[in-house]
């Protein structure tokens, strides 16, 4: 995932297979920085 989102950015996410213990999603795009 090469999207560089920072804390506070508004992003669109998509559920995926578990990537880690608590991460079950990936960022598809940044809506607002």
PDB file of N, CA and C in Angstrom:
ATOM      1  N   UNK A   1       0.850  -1.188   0.000  1.00  0.00           N
ATOM      2  CA  UNK A   1       0.000   0.000   0.000  1.00  0.00           C
ATOM      3  C   UNK A   1       0.883   1.235   0.000  1.00  0.00           C
ATOM      4  N   UNK A   2       0.843   2.002  -1.064  1.00  0.00           N
ATOM      5  CA  UNK A   2       1.732   3.156  -1.188  1.00  0.00           C
ATOM      6  C   UNK A   2       1.025   4.482  -0.931  1.00  0.00           C
ATOM      7  N   UNK A   3      -0.170   4.430  -0.327  1.00  0.00           N
ATOM      8  CA  UNK A   3      -0.884   5.660  -0.004  1.00  0.00           C
ATOM      9  C   UNK A   3      -0.337   6.195   1.311  1.00  0.00           C
ATOM     10  N   UNK A   4       0.110   7.445   1.288  1.00  0.00           N
ATOM     11  CA  UNK A   4       0.706   8.044   2.482  1.00  0.00           C
ATOM     12  C   UNK A   4      -0.336   8.870   3.223  1.00  0.00           C
ATOM     13  N   UNK A   5      -1.167   8.208   4.005  1.00  0.00           N
ATOM     14  CA  UNK A   5      -2.183   8.917   4.786  1.00  0.00           C
ATOM     15  C   UNK A   5      -1.607   9.243   6.157  1.00  0.00           C
ATOM     16  N   UNK A   6      -1.960  10.400   6.657  1.00  0.00           N
ATOM     17  CA  UNK A   6      -1.506  10.806   7.980  1.00  0.00           C
ATOM     18  C   UNK A   6      -2.697  10.863   8.926  1.00  0.00           C
ATOM     19  N   UNK A   7      -2.413  10.888  10.200  1.00  0.00           N
ATOM     20  CA  UNK A   7      -3.472  11.010  11.196  1.00  0.00           C
ATOM     21  C   UNK A   7      -4.239  12.298  10.958  1.00  0.00           C
ATOM     22  N   UNK A   8      -5.560  12.199  10.878  1.00  0.00           N
ATOM     23  CA  UNK A   8      -6.382  13.375  10.620  1.00  0.00           C
ATOM     24  C   UNK A   8      -6.874  13.451   9.194  1.00  0.00           C
ATOM     25  N   UNK A   9      -6.267  12.694   8.283  1.00  0.00           N
ATOM     26  CA  UNK A   9      -6.746  12.670   6.902  1.00  0.00           C
ATOM     27  C   UNK A   9      -8.073  11.919   6.833  1.00  0.00           C
ATOM     28  N   UNK A  10      -8.927  12.339   5.913  1.00  0.00           N
ATOM     29  CA  UNK A  10     -10.162  11.605   5.656  1.00  0.00           C
ATOM     30  C   UNK A  10      -9.865  10.620   4.537  1.00  0.00           C
ATOM     31  N   UNK A  11     -10.064   9.340   4.804  1.00  0.00           N
ATOM     32  CA  UNK A  11      -9.720   8.326   3.814  1.00  0.00           C
ATOM     33  C   UNK A  11     -10.893   7.394   3.562  1.00  0.00           C
ATOM     34  N   UNK A  12     -10.839   6.712   2.432  1.00  0.00           N
ATOM     35  CA  UNK A  12     -11.819   5.683   2.116  1.00  0.00           C
ATOM     36  C   UNK A  12     -11.126   4.346   2.345  1.00  0.00           C
ATOM     37  N   UNK A  13     -11.799   3.449   3.082  1.00  0.00           N
ATOM     38  CA  UNK A  13     -11.193   2.151   3.353  1.00  0.00           C
ATOM     39  C   UNK A  13     -12.035   1.031   2.776  1.00  0.00           C
ATOM     40  N   UNK A  14     -11.387  -0.098   2.599  1.00  0.00           N
ATOM     41  CA  UNK A  14     -12.057  -1.282   2.074  1.00  0.00           C
ATOM     42  C   UNK A  14     -11.659  -2.455   2.954  1.00  0.00           C
ATOM     43  N   UNK A  15     -12.640  -3.255   3.339  1.00  0.00           N
ATOM     44  CA  UNK A  15     -12.323  -4.414   4.173  1.00  0.00           C
ATOM     45  C   UNK A  15     -11.525  -5.436   3.366  1.00  0.00           C
ATOM     46  N   UNK A  16     -10.559  -6.062   4.026  1.00  0.00           N
ATOM     47  CA  UNK A  16      -9.734  -7.075   3.380  1.00  0.00           C
ATOM     48  C   UNK A  16      -9.586  -8.251   4.329  1.00  0.00           C
ATOM     49  N   UNK A  17      -8.835  -9.227   3.894  1.00  0.00           N
ATOM     50  CA  UNK A  17      -8.469 -10.308   4.796  1.00  0.00           C
ATOM     51  C   UNK A  17      -7.592  -9.712   5.896  1.00  0.00           C
ATOM     52  N   UNK A  18      -7.565 -10.335   7.057  1.00  0.00           N
ATOM     53  CA  UNK A  18      -6.769  -9.762   8.157  1.00  0.00           C
ATOM     54  C   UNK A  18      -5.307  -9.590   7.774  1.00  0.00           C
ATOM     55  N   UNK A  19      -4.807  -8.349   7.918  1.00  0.00           N
ATOM     56  CA  UNK A  19      -3.405  -8.071   7.628  1.00  0.00           C
ATOM     57  C   UNK A  19      -2.564  -8.188   8.897  1.00  0.00           C
ATOM     58  N   UNK A  20      -3.205  -7.974  10.042  1.00  0.00           N
ATOM     59  CA  UNK A  20      -2.562  -8.157  11.338  1.00  0.00           C
ATOM     60  C   UNK A  20      -3.668  -8.392  12.362  1.00  0.00           C
ATOM     61  N   UNK A  21      -3.310  -8.422  13.628  1.00  0.00           N
ATOM     62  CA  UNK A  21      -4.290  -8.756  14.662  1.00  0.00           C
ATOM     63  C   UNK A  21      -5.503  -7.829  14.648  1.00  0.00           C
ATOM     64  N   UNK A  22      -5.287  -6.527  14.403  1.00  0.00           N
ATOM     65  CA  UNK A  22      -6.405  -5.583  14.458  1.00  0.00           C
ATOM     66  C   UNK A  22      -6.671  -4.879  13.140  1.00  0.00           C
ATOM     67  N   UNK A  23      -5.895  -5.171  12.117  1.00  0.00           N
ATOM     68  CA  UNK A  23      -6.065  -4.448  10.851  1.00  0.00           C
ATOM     69  C   UNK A  23      -6.762  -5.347   9.835  1.00  0.00           C
ATOM     70  N   UNK A  24      -8.007  -5.022   9.519  1.00  0.00           N
ATOM     71  CA  UNK A  24      -8.781  -5.816   8.565  1.00  0.00           C
ATOM     72  C   UNK A  24      -9.275  -4.944   7.422  1.00  0.00           C
ATOM     73  N   UNK A  25      -8.512  -3.920   7.091  1.00  0.00           N
ATOM     74  CA  UNK A  25      -8.942  -3.003   6.042  1.00  0.00           C
ATOM     75  C   UNK A  25      -7.714  -2.412   5.372  1.00  0.00           C
ATOM     76  N   UNK A  26      -7.904  -1.814   4.217  1.00  0.00           N
ATOM     77  CA  UNK A  26      -6.841  -1.115   3.524  1.00  0.00           C
ATOM     78  C   UNK A  26      -7.386   0.218   3.052  1.00  0.00           C
ATOM     79  N   UNK A  27      -6.512   1.210   2.941  1.00  0.00           N
ATOM     80  CA  UNK A  27      -6.941   2.527   2.473  1.00  0.00           C
ATOM     81  C   UNK A  27      -6.995   2.497   0.953  1.00  0.00           C
ATOM     82  N   UNK A  28      -8.146   2.862   0.385  1.00  0.00           N
ATOM     83  CA  UNK A  28      -8.276   2.858  -1.067  1.00  0.00           C
ATOM     84  C   UNK A  28      -7.957   4.216  -1.660  1.00  0.00           C
ATOM     85  N   UNK A  29      -8.290   5.291  -0.935  1.00  0.00           N
ATOM     86  CA  UNK A  29      -7.917   6.621  -1.411  1.00  0.00           C
ATOM     87  C   UNK A  29      -8.049   7.632  -0.294  1.00  0.00           C
ATOM     88  N   UNK A  30      -7.325   8.739  -0.449  1.00  0.00           N
ATOM     89  CA  UNK A  30      -7.419   9.837   0.504  1.00  0.00           C
ATOM     90  C   UNK A  30      -8.454  10.820  -0.022  1.00  0.00           C
ATOM     91  N   UNK A  31      -9.482  11.101   0.784  1.00  0.00           N
ATOM     92  CA  UNK A  31     -10.547  12.005   0.371  1.00  0.00           C
ATOM     93  C   UNK A  31     -10.157  13.457   0.662  1.00  0.00           C
ATOM     94  N   UNK A  32      -9.586  13.690   1.849  1.00  0.00           N
ATOM     95  CA  UNK A  32      -9.201  15.044   2.229  1.00  0.00           C
ATOM     96  C   UNK A  32      -7.971  14.976   3.106  1.00  0.00           C
ATOM     97  N   UNK A  33      -6.976  15.795   2.785  1.00  0.00           N
ATOM     98  CA  UNK A  33      -5.761  15.837   3.605  1.00  0.00           C
ATOM     99  C   UNK A  33      -5.881  16.897   4.672  1.00  0.00           C
TER     100      UNK A  33
END
